[in-house]
């Protein structure tokens, strides 16, 4: 069971809290002096830096939001002058201005350490060949994974995303052992490998997948199709990028790098901190970030935290796989629907369908409509109409049981749904609803 920085990853809980408190106090003082918006919100609450004496005072501090990054675009929330910022990344999101984050040289070193912990937890070493099939550029995925693989001394193959035929040929020719990409692209690659007849030439043993929600059933599908162990990694640009939390071989939640980040779970409606183990919105505070620090950033991800020591020996708190995002949640006929719920149902269908699907939400006569297009397998496509209708009815029934509402299910021809070489676009909402 591999560690990259065992002393940090297995630190006693009391030492973690002490370290977090020391770093929080410093970070609050620094941000109060350097970040106008944070100082303004502290003053509005009647708070001064000296009022924050440790992590027990964290809940006193104001929240920060994605909209803040848009309002202060591009550099208004940086805590360092631009001359000390050695890299910027940006994320367009779904609406409005892109968000911009900056990194000092120390920030990049910290990021590489976080991702190195992830690689080590998978068993990867300097003898591995790591293929990074996340997009490079302003998106944090590619360079984030690259930095971690480089840190452990692995051979890095920076293929970036796209050009799938070349991806799989490179994988076969270069002897790739660890794959980094989105889970939906991993499924796409598995499909392409099978079609190209390269399955016997692929030496993959592990994959690190993130940047989009995925279910345990999707994990099983990836592991079975690629013959690997699939690891989850969590991150977001506003906090750092991939590597904020990472999965070990126990695969029982992702370890948050608590020496660098403090996670909280709050009620998304009231903002109140919830008791340990309860599910709510995930909030992060950065402890060591210099260029772009944030205090109590609301991620909109819905999950829970587990503070029990993991069987792997790590003491860092584990965050359970997010069930969805509060801002990605669809409200259909008054019912809260997460795309991950639909994916889970589809992946549990024993035969006849593939993991390729698309959710289409519309509105007719002031009533929401929910249509789900699901690709048939080649075997079902070749079957008779009665068999196809039987599978459709099964999906409709299972979805109603899970969601509590009816959906129209359309089994479509194999490979008729557009494939994604980056983040999968699973949902099309045609209702033109305002935020």
Protein backbone atom coordinates (compact mmCIF):
# COMPACT_ATOMS: atom_id res chain seq x y z
CA UNK A 1 0.00 0.00 0.00
CA UNK A 2 1.82 3.03 -1.23
CA UNK A 3 2.31 6.42 0.40
CA UNK A 4 4.01 9.48 -1.00
CA UNK A 5 4.27 11.43 2.27
CA UNK A 6 3.38 8.88 4.93
CA UNK A 7 4.15 11.19 7.86
CA UNK A 8 1.56 13.68 6.64
CA UNK A 9 -0.99 11.17 5.34
CA UNK A 10 -1.01 9.20 8.61
CA UNK A 11 -0.74 12.12 11.03
CA UNK A 12 -2.68 11.68 14.32
CA UNK A 13 -6.00 13.53 14.35
CA UNK A 14 -4.98 15.87 17.16
CA UNK A 15 -1.88 16.90 15.18
CA UNK A 16 -3.98 17.49 12.08
CA UNK A 17 -6.26 19.82 14.02
CA UNK A 18 -3.30 21.68 15.55
CA UNK A 19 -1.67 22.14 12.14
CA UNK A 20 -4.95 23.26 10.56
CA UNK A 21 -5.50 25.81 13.33
CA UNK A 22 -2.03 27.31 12.92
CA UNK A 23 -2.40 27.56 9.17
CA UNK A 24 -5.96 28.88 9.32
CA UNK A 25 -4.96 31.73 11.63
CA UNK A 26 -2.14 32.72 9.25
CA UNK A 27 -4.35 32.43 6.18
CA UNK A 28 -7.15 34.56 7.63
CA UNK A 29 -4.72 37.31 8.60
CA UNK A 30 -3.06 37.21 5.20
CA UNK A 31 -6.35 37.33 3.28
CA UNK A 32 -7.72 40.13 5.46
CA UNK A 33 -4.70 42.21 4.55
CA UNK A 34 -4.60 41.33 0.84
CA UNK A 35 -8.08 40.43 -0.48
CA UNK A 36 -10.55 43.31 -0.55
CA UNK A 37 -13.73 41.21 -0.76
CA UNK A 38 -12.73 38.99 2.16
CA UNK A 39 -11.87 42.03 4.31
CA UNK A 40 -15.23 43.61 3.43
CA UNK A 41 -17.18 40.46 4.42
CA UNK A 42 -15.20 40.07 7.64
CA UNK A 43 -15.98 43.68 8.55
CA UNK A 44 -19.67 43.16 7.76
CA UNK A 45 -19.68 40.34 10.31
CA UNK A 46 -17.83 42.48 12.85
CA UNK A 47 -14.84 40.15 12.70
CA UNK A 48 -11.12 40.85 12.88
CA UNK A 49 -8.35 38.33 12.18
CA UNK A 50 -7.50 38.11 15.89
CA UNK A 51 -11.02 36.72 16.50
CA UNK A 52 -10.04 33.52 14.69
CA UNK A 53 -7.90 31.39 17.01
CA UNK A 54 -8.25 28.02 15.31
CA UNK A 55 -10.49 25.59 13.42
CA UNK A 56 -13.17 25.78 16.11
CA UNK A 57 -13.79 29.35 14.92
CA UNK A 58 -14.09 28.42 11.26
CA UNK A 59 -17.90 28.62 11.20
CA UNK A 60 -17.69 32.31 12.17
CA UNK A 61 -16.08 33.17 8.84
CA UNK A 62 -18.01 34.25 5.73
CA UNK A 63 -18.67 31.96 2.78
CA UNK A 64 -17.24 32.51 -0.67
CA UNK A 65 -18.99 31.68 -3.94
CA UNK A 66 -18.29 30.97 -7.60
CA UNK A 67 -20.06 34.23 -8.49
CA UNK A 68 -17.35 36.07 -6.55
CA UNK A 69 -14.80 34.89 -9.11
CA UNK A 70 -16.93 36.22 -11.94
CA UNK A 71 -17.56 39.53 -10.20
CA UNK A 72 -13.83 40.09 -9.57
CA UNK A 73 -12.64 38.69 -12.92
CA UNK A 74 -9.83 38.18 -13.71
CA UNK A 75 -7.40 38.90 -10.85
CA UNK A 76 -9.46 40.70 -8.19
CA UNK A 77 -9.31 37.84 -5.66
CA UNK A 78 -5.60 37.08 -5.99
CA UNK A 79 -3.58 37.45 -2.79
CA UNK A 80 -0.26 37.89 -4.60
CA UNK A 81 0.87 40.43 -7.18
CA UNK A 82 0.89 39.12 -10.73
CA UNK A 83 4.70 39.00 -10.79
CA UNK A 84 4.51 36.16 -8.22
CA UNK A 85 1.87 34.23 -10.16
CA UNK A 86 3.62 31.69 -12.38
CA UNK A 87 0.54 30.04 -13.87
CA UNK A 88 -3.16 30.72 -14.34
CA UNK A 89 -5.96 28.29 -15.10
CA UNK A 90 -9.53 29.06 -16.03
CA UNK A 91 -12.86 27.31 -16.24
CA UNK A 92 -15.74 28.55 -18.36
CA UNK A 93 -18.50 26.80 -16.40
CA UNK A 94 -21.98 26.81 -17.90
CA UNK A 95 -22.94 30.47 -17.65
CA UNK A 96 -21.34 33.87 -17.34
CA UNK A 97 -17.69 34.84 -17.31
CA UNK A 98 -14.99 32.26 -16.95
CA UNK A 99 -13.40 31.90 -13.56
CA UNK A 100 -9.65 32.49 -13.25
CA UNK A 101 -7.32 31.05 -10.59
CA UNK A 102 -3.63 31.74 -10.05
CA UNK A 103 -0.73 29.73 -8.66
CA UNK A 104 2.60 30.71 -7.16
CA UNK A 105 5.57 28.40 -7.51
CA UNK A 106 4.84 27.04 -4.02
CA UNK A 107 1.21 26.44 -5.00
CA UNK A 108 2.31 24.30 -7.94
CA UNK A 109 4.66 22.31 -5.68
CA UNK A 110 1.79 21.69 -3.25
CA UNK A 111 -0.48 20.62 -6.11
CA UNK A 112 2.11 18.16 -7.41
CA UNK A 113 2.43 16.69 -3.91
CA UNK A 114 -1.35 16.22 -3.66
CA UNK A 115 -1.52 14.38 -6.96
CA UNK A 116 1.60 12.37 -6.13
CA UNK A 117 -0.25 11.09 -3.05
CA UNK A 118 -3.02 9.90 -5.38
CA UNK A 119 -0.61 8.08 -7.68
CA UNK A 120 1.21 6.46 -4.79
CA UNK A 121 -2.13 5.31 -3.33
CA UNK A 122 -2.83 3.40 -6.56
CA UNK A 123 0.52 1.64 -6.25
CA UNK A 124 2.11 3.65 -9.06
CA UNK A 125 5.91 4.12 -8.95
CA UNK A 126 8.74 5.48 -11.06
CA UNK A 127 8.52 2.29 -13.11
CA UNK A 128 5.03 3.11 -14.42
CA UNK A 129 3.99 4.73 -17.69
CA UNK A 130 1.23 7.25 -17.07
CA UNK A 131 -0.93 8.39 -19.98
CA UNK A 132 -2.65 11.70 -19.27
CA UNK A 133 -5.75 11.92 -21.45
CA UNK A 134 -7.30 14.89 -19.70
CA UNK A 135 -7.29 18.08 -21.72
CA UNK A 136 -4.22 20.29 -21.32
CA UNK A 137 -4.43 24.08 -21.34
CA UNK A 138 -6.64 26.25 -19.16
CA UNK A 139 -8.48 23.18 -17.79
CA UNK A 140 -6.69 21.96 -14.64
CA UNK A 141 -7.03 18.23 -15.33
CA UNK A 142 -4.16 17.62 -17.75
CA UNK A 143 -1.38 19.60 -16.09
CA UNK A 144 -2.61 18.58 -12.62
CA UNK A 145 -2.29 14.86 -13.33
CA UNK A 146 0.95 15.46 -15.25
CA UNK A 147 2.53 17.21 -12.27
CA UNK A 148 1.69 14.38 -9.88
CA UNK A 149 2.96 11.66 -12.21
CA UNK A 150 6.15 13.62 -12.77
CA UNK A 151 6.56 14.00 -9.00
CA UNK A 152 6.67 10.24 -8.41
CA UNK A 153 9.14 9.82 -11.25
CA UNK A 154 6.81 7.99 -13.61
CA UNK A 155 7.17 8.17 -17.38
CA UNK A 156 4.49 10.66 -18.48
CA UNK A 157 2.76 10.39 -21.85
CA UNK A 158 0.89 13.71 -22.32
CA UNK A 159 -1.61 12.69 -24.99
CA UNK A 160 -4.23 15.22 -23.84
CA UNK A 161 -7.82 14.55 -24.93
CA UNK A 162 -9.12 13.71 -28.39
CA UNK A 163 -7.84 11.66 -31.33
CA UNK A 164 -9.01 8.42 -29.81
CA UNK A 165 -7.45 6.16 -32.46
CA UNK A 166 -4.05 7.62 -31.69
CA UNK A 167 -4.73 7.40 -27.93
CA UNK A 168 -5.27 3.67 -27.96
CA UNK A 169 -2.41 2.98 -30.38
CA UNK A 170 -0.10 5.00 -28.13
CA UNK A 171 -1.39 3.07 -25.14
CA UNK A 172 -0.50 -0.22 -26.83
CA UNK A 173 2.86 0.89 -28.28
CA UNK A 174 4.18 2.77 -25.22
CA UNK A 175 3.07 0.19 -22.67
CA UNK A 176 0.83 2.54 -20.65
CA UNK A 177 0.12 1.16 -17.18
CA UNK A 178 -1.88 4.02 -15.62
CA UNK A 179 -4.58 6.02 -17.40
CA UNK A 180 -5.85 9.47 -16.35
CA UNK A 181 -9.03 10.86 -17.92
CA UNK A 182 -12.74 11.39 -17.30
CA UNK A 183 -14.73 8.21 -16.53
CA UNK A 184 -16.95 8.71 -19.57
CA UNK A 185 -13.88 8.92 -21.80
CA UNK A 186 -12.48 5.78 -20.17
CA UNK A 187 -15.61 3.95 -21.29
CA UNK A 188 -15.20 5.40 -24.76
CA UNK A 189 -11.57 4.26 -24.88
CA UNK A 190 -12.57 0.77 -23.73
CA UNK A 191 -15.07 0.59 -26.57
CA UNK A 192 -12.46 1.77 -29.08
CA UNK A 193 -9.84 -0.69 -27.80
CA UNK A 194 -12.27 -3.58 -28.26
CA UNK A 195 -13.22 -2.47 -31.78
CA UNK A 196 -9.56 -2.06 -32.78
CA UNK A 197 -8.70 -5.55 -31.52
CA UNK A 198 -6.01 -4.17 -29.20
CA UNK A 199 -7.30 -5.64 -25.93
CA UNK A 200 -4.44 -8.15 -25.63
CA UNK A 201 -1.83 -5.45 -26.24
CA UNK A 202 -3.01 -3.12 -23.47
CA UNK A 203 -0.97 -3.27 -20.25
CA UNK A 204 -3.14 -1.00 -18.09
CA UNK A 205 -3.38 -1.88 -14.41
CA UNK A 206 -4.96 1.25 -12.92
CA UNK A 207 -6.88 4.35 -13.88
CA UNK A 208 -7.41 7.67 -12.10
CA UNK A 209 -10.70 9.21 -13.14
CA UNK A 210 -12.41 12.45 -12.19
CA UNK A 211 -13.74 15.82 -13.43
CA UNK A 212 -17.33 14.54 -13.68
CA UNK A 213 -19.77 12.58 -11.49
CA UNK A 214 -19.73 8.79 -11.84
CA UNK A 215 -21.38 5.96 -10.01
CA UNK A 216 -20.11 2.73 -8.47
CA UNK A 217 -21.77 0.89 -11.33
CA UNK A 218 -19.78 2.97 -13.79
CA UNK A 219 -16.64 2.05 -11.84
CA UNK A 220 -17.47 -1.66 -12.20
CA UNK A 221 -18.13 -1.23 -15.91
CA UNK A 222 -14.77 0.52 -16.43
CA UNK A 223 -12.86 -2.04 -14.36
CA UNK A 224 -14.42 -4.96 -16.20
CA UNK A 225 -13.99 -3.49 -19.68
CA UNK A 226 -10.37 -2.36 -19.21
CA UNK A 227 -9.23 -5.02 -16.72
CA UNK A 228 -7.99 -2.40 -14.24
CA UNK A 229 -8.65 -0.97 -10.81
CA UNK A 230 -10.39 2.39 -11.18
CA UNK A 231 -9.63 5.14 -8.66
CA UNK A 232 -11.64 8.28 -7.99
CA UNK A 233 -9.97 11.67 -7.66
CA UNK A 234 -11.67 14.88 -6.59
CA UNK A 235 -10.85 18.47 -7.22
CA UNK A 236 -12.08 21.74 -8.57
CA UNK A 237 -10.22 24.66 -10.05
CA UNK A 238 -11.37 27.11 -7.38
CA UNK A 239 -9.67 25.06 -4.66
CA UNK A 240 -6.68 23.75 -6.64
CA UNK A 241 -7.61 21.25 -9.35
CA UNK A 242 -7.53 17.43 -9.19
CA UNK A 243 -5.98 16.06 -6.01
CA UNK A 244 -7.93 17.90 -3.32
CA UNK A 245 -9.03 14.40 -2.31
CA UNK A 246 -7.91 11.01 -3.51
CA UNK A 247 -8.92 7.39 -3.29
CA UNK A 248 -6.74 4.65 -1.83
CA UNK A 249 -6.84 0.93 -2.60
CA UNK A 250 -9.64 0.42 -0.05
CA UNK A 251 -11.94 2.46 -2.32
CA UNK A 252 -14.10 3.53 0.60
CA UNK A 253 -14.19 7.29 0.17
CA UNK A 254 -11.60 9.84 -0.93
CA UNK A 255 -9.00 11.10 1.54
CA UNK A 256 -9.04 14.90 1.77
CA UNK A 257 -5.55 16.39 2.02
CA UNK A 258 -6.35 17.94 5.39
CA UNK A 259 -2.91 19.46 5.90
CA UNK A 260 -3.80 21.76 2.99
CA UNK A 261 -7.61 21.96 2.98
CA UNK A 262 -10.38 21.96 5.59
CA UNK A 263 -13.67 20.37 4.49
CA UNK A 264 -17.07 21.10 6.05
CA UNK A 265 -20.56 19.83 5.37
CA UNK A 266 -23.32 22.43 5.59
CA UNK A 267 -27.03 22.59 5.07
CA UNK A 268 -27.25 24.05 1.53
CA UNK A 269 -30.34 26.07 2.45
CA UNK A 270 -29.39 27.48 5.87
CA UNK A 271 -25.59 27.42 5.71
CA UNK A 272 -25.43 25.74 9.13
CA UNK A 273 -22.66 23.20 9.73
CA UNK A 274 -24.14 19.70 9.90
CA UNK A 275 -23.21 16.97 12.43
CA UNK A 276 -20.52 14.48 11.49
CA UNK A 277 -21.70 11.87 8.99
CA UNK A 278 -24.71 13.81 7.68
CA UNK A 279 -25.07 14.56 3.98
CA UNK A 280 -25.04 18.13 2.76
CA UNK A 281 -23.07 20.65 0.70
CA UNK A 282 -19.29 20.38 0.72
CA UNK A 283 -17.36 23.53 1.67
CA UNK A 284 -13.58 23.99 1.47
CA UNK A 285 -11.04 26.32 3.05
CA UNK A 286 -7.51 26.42 1.62
CA UNK A 287 -4.74 26.52 4.22
CA UNK A 288 -1.57 26.78 2.15
CA UNK A 289 -2.61 28.41 -1.13
CA UNK A 290 -0.77 31.67 -1.76
CA UNK A 291 -1.90 32.95 -5.15
CA UNK A 292 -5.61 32.27 -4.88
CA UNK A 293 -6.68 31.31 -1.34
CA UNK A 294 -10.35 30.86 -0.45
CA UNK A 295 -12.20 30.65 2.84
CA UNK A 296 -15.31 28.47 3.15
CA UNK A 297 -15.85 28.07 -0.58
CA UNK A 298 -19.23 26.54 -1.42
CA UNK A 299 -18.65 23.76 -3.93
CA UNK A 300 -22.34 22.84 -4.47
CA UNK A 301 -21.26 19.18 -4.33
CA UNK A 302 -23.52 17.02 -2.16
CA UNK A 303 -21.76 14.40 -0.03
CA UNK A 304 -20.79 13.43 3.53
CA UNK A 305 -17.55 13.05 5.52
CA UNK A 306 -16.21 10.01 7.40
CA UNK A 307 -13.63 10.68 10.13
CA UNK A 308 -12.94 7.04 11.02
CA UNK A 309 -9.40 5.88 10.30
CA UNK A 310 -9.20 4.02 7.00
CA UNK A 311 -7.92 0.44 6.80
CA UNK A 312 -5.09 1.78 4.65
CA UNK A 313 -3.67 3.56 7.72
CA UNK A 314 -4.38 7.09 6.49
CA UNK A 315 -5.97 9.39 9.03
CA UNK A 316 -7.20 12.08 6.65
CA UNK A 317 -10.98 12.41 6.63
CA UNK A 318 -12.71 10.66 3.76
CA UNK A 319 -15.35 12.32 1.62
CA UNK A 320 -17.90 10.00 0.12
CA UNK A 321 -18.49 10.15 -3.61
CA UNK A 322 -20.72 13.19 -4.30
CA UNK A 323 -24.25 12.15 -5.16
CA UNK A 324 -24.54 15.18 -7.42
CA UNK A 325 -24.30 18.93 -7.34
CA UNK A 326 -26.93 21.20 -5.93
CA UNK A 327 -26.56 23.39 -9.02
CA UNK A 328 -26.67 20.37 -11.41
CA UNK A 329 -29.77 18.96 -9.79
CA UNK A 330 -32.80 18.96 -12.05
CA UNK A 331 -36.17 19.82 -10.57
CA UNK A 332 -38.69 17.98 -12.72
CA UNK A 333 -42.36 18.25 -11.82
CA UNK A 334 -41.30 19.32 -8.35
CA UNK A 335 -39.03 16.29 -7.84
CA UNK A 336 -35.26 16.60 -7.29
CA UNK A 337 -33.47 14.49 -9.89
CA UNK A 338 -29.71 13.94 -10.15
CA UNK A 339 -28.28 12.58 -13.42
CA UNK A 340 -26.26 10.09 -11.35
CA UNK A 341 -29.52 8.43 -10.23
CA UNK A 342 -30.46 7.77 -13.85
CA UNK A 343 -26.98 6.49 -14.67
CA UNK A 344 -27.14 4.08 -11.75
CA UNK A 345 -30.41 2.59 -13.01
CA UNK A 346 -29.10 2.17 -16.55
CA UNK A 347 -25.87 0.51 -15.48
CA UNK A 348 -27.77 -2.03 -13.41
CA UNK A 349 -29.75 -3.29 -16.38
CA UNK A 350 -28.24 -6.73 -16.85
CA UNK A 351 -28.40 -6.85 -20.65
CA UNK A 352 -29.27 -4.96 -23.75
CA UNK A 353 -28.00 -1.41 -23.09
CA UNK A 354 -24.68 0.43 -23.00
CA UNK A 355 -23.50 3.18 -20.60
CA UNK A 356 -24.08 5.76 -23.36
CA UNK A 357 -27.16 7.84 -22.69
CA UNK A 358 -28.56 11.36 -22.84
CA UNK A 359 -31.20 13.05 -20.70
CA UNK A 360 -33.47 15.54 -22.46
CA UNK A 361 -35.70 17.77 -20.33
CA UNK A 362 -38.42 19.86 -21.94
CA UNK A 363 -41.71 21.57 -21.18
CA UNK A 364 -45.06 21.04 -22.86
CA UNK A 365 -48.26 22.78 -21.79
CA UNK A 366 -46.49 24.08 -18.67
CA UNK A 367 -45.54 20.53 -17.66
CA UNK A 368 -41.97 19.22 -17.51
CA UNK A 369 -41.09 16.31 -19.78
CA UNK A 370 -38.28 13.82 -19.19
CA UNK A 371 -36.93 11.80 -22.13
CA UNK A 372 -33.97 9.47 -21.84
CA UNK A 373 -32.17 8.18 -24.91
CA UNK A 374 -30.20 5.02 -24.24
CA UNK A 375 -28.00 3.15 -26.70
CA UNK A 376 -28.81 -0.49 -27.28
CA UNK A 377 -26.09 -3.10 -27.34
CA UNK A 378 -25.35 -4.74 -30.67
CA UNK A 379 -26.96 -7.94 -29.36
CA UNK A 380 -30.25 -6.25 -28.45
CA UNK A 381 -30.25 -4.26 -31.69
CA UNK A 382 -30.16 -7.55 -33.56
CA UNK A 383 -32.99 -8.97 -31.44
CA UNK A 384 -36.73 -8.80 -32.09
CA UNK A 385 -38.94 -5.81 -31.29
CA UNK A 386 -40.58 -7.58 -28.34
CA UNK A 387 -37.21 -7.97 -26.61
CA UNK A 388 -36.44 -4.30 -27.14
CA UNK A 389 -39.82 -3.26 -25.75
CA UNK A 390 -39.30 -5.49 -22.73
CA UNK A 391 -35.99 -3.76 -21.89
CA UNK A 392 -37.62 -0.35 -22.37
CA UNK A 393 -40.41 -1.26 -19.95
CA UNK A 394 -37.85 -2.50 -17.42
CA UNK A 395 -35.93 0.81 -17.55
CA UNK A 396 -39.14 2.85 -17.25
CA UNK A 397 -40.23 0.83 -14.21
CA UNK A 398 -36.84 1.04 -12.48
CA UNK A 399 -36.59 4.78 -13.10
CA UNK A 400 -40.04 5.40 -11.66
CA UNK A 401 -39.10 3.39 -8.57
CA UNK A 402 -35.90 5.42 -8.02
CA UNK A 403 -37.06 8.89 -9.12
CA UNK A 404 -40.70 8.81 -8.17
CA UNK A 405 -41.72 10.22 -11.56
CA UNK A 406 -42.27 8.75 -15.00
CA UNK A 407 -39.87 9.14 -17.90
CA UNK A 408 -40.06 8.29 -21.59
CA UNK A 409 -37.26 5.91 -22.52
CA UNK A 410 -36.06 5.59 -26.08
CA UNK A 411 -33.68 2.78 -26.97
CA UNK A 412 -31.63 4.08 -29.87
CA UNK A 413 -29.25 2.44 -32.32
CA UNK A 414 -25.73 1.48 -31.22
CA UNK A 415 -23.21 4.36 -31.50
CA UNK A 416 -25.94 6.89 -32.38
CA UNK A 417 -25.30 9.08 -29.32
CA UNK A 418 -22.39 11.45 -29.84
CA UNK A 419 -19.25 10.38 -27.99
CA UNK A 420 -17.34 12.84 -25.84
CA UNK A 421 -13.55 13.03 -25.67
CA UNK A 422 -13.69 15.26 -22.61
CA UNK A 423 -16.47 15.75 -20.10
CA UNK A 424 -19.62 13.97 -21.19
CA UNK A 425 -22.66 16.14 -21.94
CA UNK A 426 -25.33 13.99 -20.38
CA UNK A 427 -28.13 16.53 -19.93
CA UNK A 428 -29.93 18.76 -22.41
CA UNK A 429 -32.39 21.07 -20.67
CA UNK A 430 -34.62 22.77 -23.22
CA UNK A 431 -36.85 24.54 -20.70
CA UNK A 432 -34.88 27.82 -20.83
CA UNK A 433 -35.31 28.24 -17.08
CA UNK A 434 -33.58 31.16 -15.42
CA UNK A 435 -31.11 30.53 -12.56
